[in-house]
Amino acid sequence: MLGAIEAGGTKFVCAVGTGPEDLETIQIPTGEPRETVAAAIEFFRFRRDLRAVGIASFGPVDLEPGSSTYGHITSTPKTGWRDFDLVGSFRRELALPVGFDTDVNGAALGEARWGAAQGLSDFLYLTVGTGIGGGAMVNGRLVHGLIHPEMGHIRVPHDRAADPYPGCCPFHGDCLEGLASGPAVRGRWGRYASELPPDHPGLALEARYLALGLATWVCTLSPRRIVLGGGVMEQQRLLPLIRCELAALLNGYIQAPCITAGAEQYVVPARLGPRAGVLGALVLAEFAASQSAGAVRGGQTLK
């Protein structure tokens, strides 16, 4: 059995199992770090058959294994969690290998294993909700770098005459997240995206902004599929609008049949819904267990 944690800004989803069919979960409200982590540890403590735990966490986080702050939540607006050693807390208390990545990378792993990206070595997962975040898989590996990719904070064209809304990102104002996240939609129109009628101009504007982001990643990462999740995407009118906008922005330059034929199989909805993150954390636990077993077989000392 494996343990999994989707560490979110509002709740921790903790689970044990091997996949979607046998997953046992609980939810813990995200309060102060020590109390929240203690409640999660209690869920796992007496599971004698656990091989490892995976954590898919809100961030920003330090994912660099050689760093002195690896496994820490870093510059989050949630001040109580800033610089908190999330991985170390579970490792010390449970004495198990711990896999770690961002919440959106976790969701991407879940969709790759059991969802809309099965069988693909190159794809993009984007969540559009309270924030906007993306996870990219290239050649079968999640993209990491200096830190983790912050796709929600790319800059997109903002015509202030057509859209005077200034944006809601506290760092950048009118980045993609500032213009197209759930709070941006509500801040501009006074309603959630799911509450807007099908002919509301806000949906066309939202589709335009999201397609601008997708066009950038199509040209730079060349994903074989784009998977869209998050609460904003529950507005069913958005997906066909995004596909049309993306085709218009690419303007025939990317000559791939899956795009030129209408993109119905290229830009697709996530399949796992709210379970994508915790299922991805299960995959992280599997990776950690495998690495631990390999290190033991090689006679190495585990960190």
C-alpha atoms as a PDB file:
ATOM      1  CA  MET A   1       0.000   0.000   0.000  1.00  0.00           C
ATOM      2  CA  LEU A   2       1.037   3.606  -0.607  1.00  0.00           C
ATOM      3  CA  GLY A   3       0.180   6.849   1.148  1.00  0.00           C
ATOM      4  CA  ALA A   4      -0.749  10.055  -0.658  1.00  0.00           C
ATOM      5  CA  ILE A   5      -1.308  13.671   0.358  1.00  0.00           C
ATOM      6  CA  GLU A   6      -2.701  16.464  -1.764  1.00  0.00           C
ATOM      7  CA  ALA A   7      -1.634  19.420   0.360  1.00  0.00           C
ATOM      8  CA  GLY A   8      -3.928  22.268  -0.626  1.00  0.00           C
ATOM      9  CA  GLY A   9      -4.364  25.776   0.628  1.00  0.00           C
ATOM     10  CA  THR A  10      -7.818  24.995   2.017  1.00  0.00           C
ATOM     11  CA  LYS A  11      -7.588  21.269   2.776  1.00  0.00           C
ATOM     12  CA  PHE A  12      -5.256  18.290   2.922  1.00  0.00           C
ATOM     13  CA  VAL A  13      -6.601  15.194   1.179  1.00  0.00           C
ATOM     14  CA  CYS A  14      -4.881  12.127   2.650  1.00  0.00           C
ATOM     15  CA  ALA A  15      -5.230   8.680   1.129  1.00  0.00           C
ATOM     16  CA  VAL A  16      -3.955   5.118   1.210  1.00  0.00           C
ATOM     17  CA  GLY A  17      -4.302   2.609  -1.591  1.00  0.00           C
ATOM     18  CA  THR A  18      -2.802   1.489  -4.877  1.00  0.00           C
ATOM     19  CA  GLY A  19      -5.039   3.306  -7.380  1.00  0.00           C
ATOM     20  CA  PRO A  20      -8.507   4.737  -8.012  1.00  0.00           C
ATOM     21  CA  GLU A  21     -10.334   1.514  -7.183  1.00  0.00           C
ATOM     22  CA  ASP A  22      -9.134   1.005  -3.601  1.00  0.00           C
ATOM     23  CA  LEU A  23      -8.389   4.568  -2.482  1.00  0.00           C
ATOM     24  CA  GLU A  24      -9.369   5.363   1.111  1.00  0.00           C
ATOM     25  CA  THR A  25      -9.364   9.114   1.782  1.00  0.00           C
ATOM     26  CA  ILE A  26      -9.944  11.699   4.485  1.00  0.00           C
ATOM     27  CA  GLN A  27      -9.974  15.497   4.340  1.00  0.00           C
ATOM     28  CA  ILE A  28      -8.300  17.768   6.883  1.00  0.00           C
ATOM     29  CA  PRO A  29      -8.867  21.549   6.837  1.00  0.00           C
ATOM     30  CA  THR A  30      -5.619  23.434   6.239  1.00  0.00           C
ATOM     31  CA  GLY A  31      -4.986  25.297   9.484  1.00  0.00           C
ATOM     32  CA  GLU A  32      -1.706  26.004  11.222  1.00  0.00           C
ATOM     33  CA  PRO A  33       1.140  23.805   9.925  1.00  0.00           C
ATOM     34  CA  ARG A  34       1.904  21.721  12.989  1.00  0.00           C
ATOM     35  CA  GLU A  35      -1.733  20.922  13.774  1.00  0.00           C
ATOM     36  CA  THR A  36      -2.561  20.106  10.155  1.00  0.00           C
ATOM     37  CA  VAL A  37       0.480  17.902   9.664  1.00  0.00           C
ATOM     38  CA  ALA A  38      -0.102  16.150  13.008  1.00  0.00           C
ATOM     39  CA  ALA A  39      -3.633  15.204  11.945  1.00  0.00           C
ATOM     40  CA  ALA A  40      -2.333  13.864   8.616  1.00  0.00           C
ATOM     41  CA  ILE A  41       0.422  11.872  10.318  1.00  0.00           C
ATOM     42  CA  GLU A  42      -2.145  10.326  12.641  1.00  0.00           C
ATOM     43  CA  PHE A  43      -4.033   9.020   9.603  1.00  0.00           C
ATOM     44  CA  PHE A  44      -0.923   7.185   8.378  1.00  0.00           C
ATOM     45  CA  ARG A  45       0.823   6.276  11.614  1.00  0.00           C
ATOM     46  CA  PHE A  46      -0.692   2.830  12.234  1.00  0.00           C
ATOM     47  CA  ARG A  47      -0.743   1.678   8.605  1.00  0.00           C
ATOM     48  CA  ARG A  48       1.893  -1.018   8.971  1.00  0.00           C
ATOM     49  CA  ASP A  49       1.797  -1.971   5.282  1.00  0.00           C
ATOM     50  CA  LEU A  50       2.778   1.442   3.865  1.00  0.00           C
ATOM     51  CA  ARG A  51       5.863   1.481   1.629  1.00  0.00           C
ATOM     52  CA  ALA A  52       6.101   5.240   1.024  1.00  0.00           C
ATOM     53  CA  VAL A  53       4.162   8.500   1.053  1.00  0.00           C
ATOM     54  CA  GLY A  54       3.798  11.000  -1.798  1.00  0.00           C
ATOM     55  CA  ILE A  55       3.013  14.687  -1.318  1.00  0.00           C
ATOM     56  CA  ALA A  56       1.616  16.967  -4.046  1.00  0.00           C
ATOM     57  CA  SER A  57       1.711  20.396  -2.428  1.00  0.00           C
ATOM     58  CA  PHE A  58       0.618  23.966  -2.893  1.00  0.00           C
ATOM     59  CA  GLY A  59       3.562  26.298  -3.188  1.00  0.00           C
ATOM     60  CA  PRO A  60       5.880  27.715  -4.099  1.00  0.00           C
ATOM     61  CA  VAL A  61       8.029  24.816  -2.900  1.00  0.00           C
ATOM     62  CA  ASP A  62      11.707  23.844  -3.046  1.00  0.00           C
ATOM     63  CA  LEU A  63      12.072  20.766  -5.271  1.00  0.00           C
ATOM     64  CA  GLU A  64      15.883  20.768  -5.551  1.00  0.00           C
ATOM     65  CA  PRO A  65      17.100  17.591  -3.786  1.00  0.00           C
ATOM     66  CA  GLY A  66      20.510  19.078  -2.961  1.00  0.00           C
ATOM     67  CA  SER A  67      19.078  22.217  -1.418  1.00  0.00           C
ATOM     68  CA  SER A  68      19.169  22.825   2.343  1.00  0.00           C
ATOM     69  CA  THR A  69      15.473  23.707   2.114  1.00  0.00           C
ATOM     70  CA  TYR A  70      14.384  20.807  -0.098  1.00  0.00           C
ATOM     71  CA  GLY A  71      10.822  19.822   0.742  1.00  0.00           C
ATOM     72  CA  HIS A  72       9.983  23.216   2.243  1.00  0.00           C
ATOM     73  CA  ILE A  73       7.087  25.443   1.293  1.00  0.00           C
ATOM     74  CA  THR A  74       8.804  28.743   0.513  1.00  0.00           C
ATOM     75  CA  SER A  75       7.308  32.145  -0.351  1.00  0.00           C
ATOM     76  CA  THR A  76       3.630  31.298   0.002  1.00  0.00           C
ATOM     77  CA  PRO A  77       1.119  34.051   0.892  1.00  0.00           C
ATOM     78  CA  LYS A  78      -0.058  31.697   3.668  1.00  0.00           C
ATOM     79  CA  THR A  79       2.336  33.207   6.172  1.00  0.00           C
ATOM     80  CA  GLY A  80       2.131  30.419   8.752  1.00  0.00           C
ATOM     81  CA  TRP A  81       3.362  27.935   6.144  1.00  0.00           C
ATOM     82  CA  ARG A  82       6.221  30.048   4.837  1.00  0.00           C
ATOM     83  CA  ASP A  83       9.546  28.159   5.105  1.00  0.00           C
ATOM     84  CA  PHE A  84       7.821  25.134   6.648  1.00  0.00           C
ATOM     85  CA  ASP A  85       9.607  21.782   6.223  1.00  0.00           C
ATOM     86  CA  LEU A  86       6.750  19.691   4.865  1.00  0.00           C
ATOM     87  CA  VAL A  87       8.701  16.671   3.630  1.00  0.00           C
ATOM     88  CA  GLY A  88      10.934  16.505   6.709  1.00  0.00           C
ATOM     89  CA  SER A  89       7.930  16.517   9.029  1.00  0.00           C
ATOM     90  CA  PHE A  90       6.476  13.373   7.466  1.00  0.00           C
ATOM     91  CA  ARG A  91       9.837  11.683   6.975  1.00  0.00           C
ATOM     92  CA  ARG A  92      10.786  12.062  10.628  1.00  0.00           C
ATOM     93  CA  GLU A  93       7.467  10.911  12.056  1.00  0.00           C
ATOM     94  CA  LEU A  94       6.700   8.047   9.677  1.00  0.00           C
ATOM     95  CA  ALA A  95      10.252   6.855   8.867  1.00  0.00           C
ATOM     96  CA  LEU A  96       9.208   6.236   5.256  1.00  0.00           C
ATOM     97  CA  PRO A  97      10.470   7.417   1.865  1.00  0.00           C
ATOM     98  CA  VAL A  98       8.599  10.566   0.781  1.00  0.00           C
ATOM     99  CA  GLY A  99       8.002  11.653  -2.812  1.00  0.00           C
ATOM    100  CA  PHE A 100       7.394  15.360  -3.361  1.00  0.00           C
ATOM    101  CA  ASP A 101       6.217  17.698  -6.105  1.00  0.00           C
ATOM    102  CA  THR A 102       3.774  20.523  -6.754  1.00  0.00           C
ATOM    103  CA  ASP A 103       0.033  19.981  -6.609  1.00  0.00           C
ATOM    104  CA  VAL A 104      -0.374  20.646 -10.320  1.00  0.00           C
ATOM    105  CA  ASN A 105       2.454  18.253 -11.232  1.00  0.00           C
ATOM    106  CA  GLY A 106       0.722  15.699  -9.049  1.00  0.00           C
ATOM    107  CA  ALA A 107      -2.505  16.191 -11.002  1.00  0.00           C
ATOM    108  CA  ALA A 108      -0.554  15.805 -14.245  1.00  0.00           C
ATOM    109  CA  LEU A 109       0.867  12.481 -13.001  1.00  0.00           C
ATOM    110  CA  GLY A 110      -2.609  11.308 -12.052  1.00  0.00           C
ATOM    111  CA  GLU A 111      -4.003  12.149 -15.478  1.00  0.00           C
ATOM    112  CA  ALA A 112      -1.019  10.441 -17.118  1.00  0.00           C
ATOM    113  CA  ARG A 113      -1.521   7.202 -15.179  1.00  0.00           C
ATOM    114  CA  TRP A 114      -5.312   6.922 -15.016  1.00  0.00           C
ATOM    115  CA  GLY A 115      -6.863   9.879 -16.843  1.00  0.00           C
ATOM    116  CA  ALA A 116      -6.944  11.876 -20.064  1.00  0.00           C
ATOM    117  CA  ALA A 117      -3.202  11.648 -20.831  1.00  0.00           C
ATOM    118  CA  GLN A 118      -2.735   7.882 -20.612  1.00  0.00           C
ATOM    119  CA  GLY A 119      -0.094   6.560 -22.986  1.00  0.00           C
ATOM    120  CA  LEU A 120       1.392   9.991 -23.774  1.00  0.00           C
ATOM    121  CA  SER A 121       5.023  10.916 -23.183  1.00  0.00           C
ATOM    122  CA  ASP A 122       4.443  14.605 -23.998  1.00  0.00           C
ATOM    123  CA  PHE A 123       1.442  16.576 -22.780  1.00  0.00           C
ATOM    124  CA  LEU A 124       0.385  19.650 -20.834  1.00  0.00           C
ATOM    125  CA  TYR A 125      -1.975  19.724 -17.862  1.00  0.00           C
ATOM    126  CA  LEU A 126      -3.463  23.088 -16.883  1.00  0.00           C
ATOM    127  CA  THR A 127      -5.710  23.738 -13.928  1.00  0.00           C
ATOM    128  CA  VAL A 128      -7.900  26.852 -13.980  1.00  0.00           C
ATOM    129  CA  GLY A 129      -9.482  27.566 -10.632  1.00  0.00           C
ATOM    130  CA  THR A 130      -8.601  29.703  -7.623  1.00  0.00           C
ATOM    131  CA  GLY A 131      -5.255  30.041  -9.370  1.00  0.00           C
ATOM    132  CA  ILE A 132      -3.820  28.862 -12.667  1.00  0.00           C
ATOM    133  CA  GLY A 133      -1.045  26.300 -12.730  1.00  0.00           C
ATOM    134  CA  GLY A 134       0.451  23.971 -15.269  1.00  0.00           C
ATOM    135  CA  GLY A 135       2.420  20.746 -15.363  1.00  0.00           C
ATOM    136  CA  ALA A 136       4.259  19.672 -18.501  1.00  0.00           C
ATOM    137  CA  MET A 137       5.527  16.190 -19.312  1.00  0.00           C
ATOM    138  CA  VAL A 138       8.266  15.974 -21.930  1.00  0.00           C
ATOM    139  CA  ASN A 139       9.770  12.646 -23.003  1.00  0.00           C
ATOM    140  CA  GLY A 140       7.963  10.961 -20.136  1.00  0.00           C
ATOM    141  CA  ARG A 141       9.332  13.260 -17.423  1.00  0.00           C
ATOM    142  CA  LEU A 142       7.781  16.203 -15.643  1.00  0.00           C
ATOM    143  CA  VAL A 143       9.516  19.472 -16.433  1.00  0.00           C
ATOM    144  CA  HIS A 144      11.514  20.993 -13.576  1.00  0.00           C
ATOM    145  CA  GLY A 145      14.194  23.648 -13.695  1.00  0.00           C
ATOM    146  CA  LEU A 146      15.379  26.573 -11.620  1.00  0.00           C
ATOM    147  CA  ILE A 147      12.163  26.093  -9.660  1.00  0.00           C
ATOM    148  CA  HIS A 148       8.954  24.534 -10.922  1.00  0.00           C
ATOM    149  CA  PRO A 149       7.239  26.104 -13.963  1.00  0.00           C
ATOM    150  CA  GLU A 150       4.833  28.903 -12.988  1.00  0.00           C
ATOM    151  CA  MET A 151       2.598  28.828 -16.044  1.00  0.00           C
ATOM    152  CA  GLY A 152      -0.132  30.878 -14.442  1.00  0.00           C
ATOM    153  CA  HIS A 153       2.156  33.886 -14.240  1.00  0.00           C
ATOM    154  CA  ILE A 154       3.093  34.304 -17.896  1.00  0.00           C
ATOM    155  CA  ARG A 155       2.186  37.653 -19.414  1.00  0.00           C
ATOM    156  CA  VAL A 156      -0.534  37.732 -22.067  1.00  0.00           C
ATOM    157  CA  PRO A 157      -1.782  40.670 -24.176  1.00  0.00           C
ATOM    158  CA  HIS A 158      -4.228  42.789 -22.182  1.00  0.00           C
ATOM    159  CA  ASP A 159      -6.323  45.282 -24.139  1.00  0.00           C
ATOM    160  CA  ARG A 160      -7.379  47.630 -21.360  1.00  0.00           C
ATOM    161  CA  ALA A 161      -9.853  49.410 -23.621  1.00  0.00           C
ATOM    162  CA  ALA A 162     -11.743  46.158 -24.254  1.00  0.00           C
ATOM    163  CA  ASP A 163     -11.116  44.784 -20.751  1.00  0.00           C
ATOM    164  CA  PRO A 164     -10.464  47.473 -18.135  1.00  0.00           C
ATOM    165  CA  TYR A 165     -10.233  44.901 -15.302  1.00  0.00           C
ATOM    166  CA  PRO A 166      -6.744  45.443 -13.789  1.00  0.00           C
ATOM    167  CA  GLY A 167      -6.136  41.817 -12.795  1.00  0.00           C
ATOM    168  CA  CYS A 168      -6.091  40.208  -9.363  1.00  0.00           C
ATOM    169  CA  CYS A 169      -2.603  38.762  -9.044  1.00  0.00           C
ATOM    170  CA  PRO A 170      -0.919  40.357  -5.991  1.00  0.00           C
ATOM    171  CA  PHE A 171       2.489  40.058  -7.671  1.00  0.00           C
ATOM    172  CA  HIS A 172       1.842  40.886 -11.337  1.00  0.00           C
ATOM    173  CA  GLY A 173      -1.671  42.276 -11.634  1.00  0.00           C
ATOM    174  CA  ASP A 174      -2.656  41.220 -15.138  1.00  0.00           C
ATOM    175  CA  CYS A 175      -0.671  38.028 -15.719  1.00  0.00           C
ATOM    176  CA  LEU A 176      -2.664  35.040 -17.004  1.00  0.00           C
ATOM    177  CA  GLU A 177      -3.745  34.085 -13.485  1.00  0.00           C
ATOM    178  CA  GLY A 178      -4.633  37.690 -12.718  1.00  0.00           C
ATOM    179  CA  LEU A 179      -6.887  37.888 -15.763  1.00  0.00           C
ATOM    180  CA  ALA A 180      -8.337  34.388 -16.142  1.00  0.00           C
ATOM    181  CA  SER A 181      -8.449  32.611 -12.767  1.00  0.00           C
ATOM    182  CA  GLY A 182     -11.713  31.995 -10.953  1.00  0.00           C
ATOM    183  CA  PRO A 183     -11.314  35.077  -8.715  1.00  0.00           C
ATOM    184  CA  ALA A 184     -10.606  37.197 -11.811  1.00  0.00           C
ATOM    185  CA  VAL A 185     -13.824  36.050 -13.470  1.00  0.00           C
ATOM    186  CA  ARG A 186     -15.807  36.792 -10.323  1.00  0.00           C
ATOM    187  CA  GLY A 187     -14.024  40.087  -9.741  1.00  0.00           C
ATOM    188  CA  ARG A 188     -14.833  41.245 -13.260  1.00  0.00           C
ATOM    189  CA  TRP A 189     -18.414  39.970 -13.577  1.00  0.00           C
ATOM    190  CA  GLY A 190     -19.602  39.362 -10.009  1.00  0.00           C
ATOM    191  CA  ARG A 191     -20.308  35.682 -10.708  1.00  0.00           C
ATOM    192  CA  TYR A 192     -18.400  32.433 -10.983  1.00  0.00           C
ATOM    193  CA  ALA A 193     -17.650  31.131 -14.478  1.00  0.00           C
ATOM    194  CA  SER A 194     -20.108  28.262 -14.005  1.00  0.00           C
ATOM    195  CA  GLU A 195     -22.873  30.809 -13.325  1.00  0.00           C
ATOM    196  CA  LEU A 196     -22.397  32.821 -16.527  1.00  0.00           C
ATOM    197  CA  PRO A 197     -25.039  32.211 -19.236  1.00  0.00           C
ATOM    198  CA  PRO A 198     -23.843  30.636 -22.515  1.00  0.00           C
ATOM    199  CA  ASP A 199     -23.931  33.926 -24.440  1.00  0.00           C
ATOM    200  CA  HIS A 200     -22.197  36.010 -21.756  1.00  0.00           C
ATOM    201  CA  PRO A 201     -19.244  38.044 -23.175  1.00  0.00           C
ATOM    202  CA  GLY A 202     -17.142  36.958 -20.211  1.00  0.00           C
ATOM    203  CA  LEU A 203     -16.849  33.442 -21.614  1.00  0.00           C
ATOM    204  CA  ALA A 204     -15.400  34.635 -24.916  1.00  0.00           C
ATOM    205  CA  LEU A 205     -12.925  36.818 -23.023  1.00  0.00           C
ATOM    206  CA  GLU A 206     -11.943  33.947 -20.737  1.00  0.00           C
ATOM    207  CA  ALA A 207     -11.454  31.634 -23.714  1.00  0.00           C
ATOM    208  CA  ARG A 208      -9.295  34.245 -25.418  1.00  0.00           C
ATOM    209  CA  TYR A 209      -6.952  34.613 -22.451  1.00  0.00           C
ATOM    210  CA  LEU A 210      -6.615  30.866 -21.897  1.00  0.00           C
ATOM    211  CA  ALA A 211      -6.020  30.243 -25.622  1.00  0.00           C
ATOM    212  CA  LEU A 212      -3.253  32.864 -25.590  1.00  0.00           C
ATOM    213  CA  GLY A 213      -1.523  30.873 -22.890  1.00  0.00           C
ATOM    214  CA  LEU A 214      -2.072  27.569 -24.677  1.00  0.00           C
ATOM    215  CA  ALA A 215      -0.731  28.948 -27.968  1.00  0.00           C
ATOM    216  CA  THR A 216       2.490  29.929 -26.197  1.00  0.00           C
ATOM    217  CA  TRP A 217       2.955  26.415 -24.818  1.00  0.00           C
ATOM    218  CA  VAL A 218       2.000  24.717 -28.092  1.00  0.00           C
ATOM    219  CA  CYS A 219       4.800  26.640 -29.798  1.00  0.00           C
ATOM    220  CA  THR A 220       7.380  26.130 -27.039  1.00  0.00           C
ATOM    221  CA  LEU A 221       6.669  22.708 -25.509  1.00  0.00           C
ATOM    222  CA  SER A 222       4.892  21.054 -28.464  1.00  0.00           C
ATOM    223  CA  PRO A 223       2.625  18.866 -26.315  1.00  0.00           C
ATOM    224  CA  ARG A 224       0.764  15.995 -27.954  1.00  0.00           C
ATOM    225  CA  ARG A 225      -2.332  16.816 -25.900  1.00  0.00           C
ATOM    226  CA  ILE A 226      -3.569  19.562 -23.582  1.00  0.00           C
ATOM    227  CA  VAL A 227      -5.657  18.536 -20.576  1.00  0.00           C
ATOM    228  CA  LEU A 228      -7.717  21.235 -18.850  1.00  0.00           C
ATOM    229  CA  GLY A 229      -9.011  20.898 -15.293  1.00  0.00           C
ATOM    230  CA  GLY A 230     -10.071  23.069 -12.369  1.00  0.00           C
ATOM    231  CA  GLY A 231     -13.301  24.696 -11.269  1.00  0.00           C
ATOM    232  CA  VAL A 232     -13.495  27.292 -14.051  1.00  0.00           C
ATOM    233  CA  MET A 233     -13.509  24.500 -16.639  1.00  0.00           C
ATOM    234  CA  GLU A 234     -16.762  23.195 -15.185  1.00  0.00           C
ATOM    235  CA  GLN A 235     -18.362  25.847 -17.430  1.00  0.00           C
ATOM    236  CA  GLN A 236     -18.997  23.536 -20.391  1.00  0.00           C
ATOM    237  CA  ARG A 237     -19.269  26.337 -22.933  1.00  0.00           C
ATOM    238  CA  LEU A 238     -15.603  27.244 -22.428  1.00  0.00           C
ATOM    239  CA  LEU A 239     -13.920  24.235 -23.998  1.00  0.00           C
ATOM    240  CA  PRO A 240     -15.247  24.661 -27.571  1.00  0.00           C
ATOM    241  CA  LEU A 241     -14.548  28.401 -27.370  1.00  0.00           C
ATOM    242  CA  ILE A 242     -10.950  27.734 -26.297  1.00  0.00           C
ATOM    243  CA  ARG A 243     -10.449  25.286 -29.161  1.00  0.00           C
ATOM    244  CA  CYS A 244     -11.685  27.828 -31.709  1.00  0.00           C
ATOM    245  CA  GLU A 245      -9.549  30.614 -30.243  1.00  0.00           C
ATOM    246  CA  LEU A 246      -6.456  28.408 -30.201  1.00  0.00           C
ATOM    247  CA  ALA A 247      -6.915  27.452 -33.862  1.00  0.00           C
ATOM    248  CA  ALA A 248      -7.339  31.114 -34.790  1.00  0.00           C
ATOM    249  CA  LEU A 249      -4.215  32.154 -32.871  1.00  0.00           C
ATOM    250  CA  LEU A 250      -2.059  29.420 -34.430  1.00  0.00           C
ATOM    251  CA  ASN A 251      -3.473  30.392 -37.846  1.00  0.00           C
ATOM    252  CA  GLY A 252      -2.442  27.194 -39.615  1.00  0.00           C
ATOM    253  CA  TYR A 253       1.224  27.473 -38.651  1.00  0.00           C
ATOM    254  CA  ILE A 254       1.335  24.263 -36.591  1.00  0.00           C
ATOM    255  CA  GLN A 255       0.467  21.648 -39.190  1.00  0.00           C
ATOM    256  CA  ALA A 256      -0.638  18.781 -36.975  1.00  0.00           C
ATOM    257  CA  PRO A 257      -3.861  16.942 -37.894  1.00  0.00           C
ATOM    258  CA  CYS A 258      -5.066  16.842 -34.283  1.00  0.00           C
ATOM    259  CA  ILE A 259      -5.108  20.659 -34.300  1.00  0.00           C
ATOM    260  CA  THR A 260      -6.145  21.454 -37.859  1.00  0.00           C
ATOM    261  CA  ALA A 261      -9.086  18.993 -37.677  1.00  0.00           C
ATOM    262  CA  GLY A 262     -10.724  20.951 -34.858  1.00  0.00           C
ATOM    263  CA  ALA A 263      -8.742  20.055 -31.712  1.00  0.00           C
ATOM    264  CA  GLU A 264     -11.540  17.987 -30.124  1.00  0.00           C
ATOM    265  CA  GLN A 265      -8.960  15.303 -29.323  1.00  0.00           C
ATOM    266  CA  TYR A 266      -6.165  17.777 -28.671  1.00  0.00           C
ATOM    267  CA  VAL A 267      -7.606  20.110 -26.036  1.00  0.00           C
ATOM    268  CA  VAL A 268      -9.568  17.813 -23.734  1.00  0.00           C
ATOM    269  CA  PRO A 269     -11.143  17.931 -20.271  1.00  0.00           C
ATOM    270  CA  ALA A 270      -9.474  16.252 -17.309  1.00  0.00           C
ATOM    271  CA  ARG A 271     -11.010  12.888 -16.428  1.00  0.00           C
ATOM    272  CA  LEU A 272     -10.114  12.458 -12.766  1.00  0.00           C
ATOM    273  CA  GLY A 273     -11.811  15.586 -11.437  1.00  0.00           C
ATOM    274  CA  PRO A 274     -10.962  16.488  -7.839  1.00  0.00           C
ATOM    275  CA  ARG A 275      -9.095  13.197  -7.310  1.00  0.00           C
ATOM    276  CA  ALA A 276      -6.334  13.986  -9.829  1.00  0.00           C
ATOM    277  CA  GLY A 277      -3.984  15.553  -7.263  1.00  0.00           C
ATOM    278  CA  VAL A 278      -4.195  12.851  -4.614  1.00  0.00           C
ATOM    279  CA  LEU A 279      -3.905  10.100  -7.240  1.00  0.00           C
ATOM    280  CA  GLY A 280      -0.817  11.835  -8.587  1.00  0.00           C
ATOM    281  CA  ALA A 281       0.587  11.896  -5.056  1.00  0.00           C
ATOM    282  CA  LEU A 282       0.120   8.126  -5.052  1.00  0.00           C
ATOM    283  CA  VAL A 283       2.362   7.963  -8.135  1.00  0.00           C
ATOM    284  CA  LEU A 284       4.941  10.110  -6.307  1.00  0.00           C
ATOM    285  CA  ALA A 285       4.858   7.611  -3.440  1.00  0.00           C
ATOM    286  CA  GLU A 286       5.429   4.787  -5.916  1.00  0.00           C
ATOM    287  CA  PHE A 287       8.472   6.610  -7.327  1.00  0.00           C
ATOM    288  CA  ALA A 288       9.844   7.169  -3.819  1.00  0.00           C
ATOM    289  CA  ALA A 289       9.376   3.509  -2.868  1.00  0.00           C
ATOM    290  CA  SER A 290      11.120   2.389  -6.048  1.00  0.00           C
ATOM    291  CA  GLN A 291      14.068   4.749  -5.512  1.00  0.00           C
ATOM    292  CA  SER A 292      14.386   3.632  -1.902  1.00  0.00           C
ATOM    293  CA  ALA A 293      14.417  -0.029  -2.871  1.00  0.00           C
ATOM    294  CA  GLY A 294      17.068   0.649  -5.517  1.00  0.00           C
ATOM    295  CA  ALA A 295      19.252   2.527  -3.036  1.00  0.00           C
ATOM    296  CA  VAL A 296      19.004  -0.278  -0.485  1.00  0.00           C
ATOM    297  CA  ARG A 297      19.908  -2.879  -3.112  1.00  0.00           C
ATOM    298  CA  GLY A 298      22.912  -0.771  -4.097  1.00  0.00           C
ATOM    299  CA  GLY A 299      24.099  -0.546  -0.496  1.00  0.00           C
ATOM    300  CA  GLN A 300      23.658   3.219  -0.383  1.00  0.00           C
ATOM    301  CA  THR A 301      22.610   5.305   2.577  1.00  0.00           C
ATOM    302  CA  LEU A 302      19.257   6.960   2.086  1.00  0.00           C
ATOM    303  CA  LYS A 303      18.885  10.657   2.865  1.00  0.00           C
END
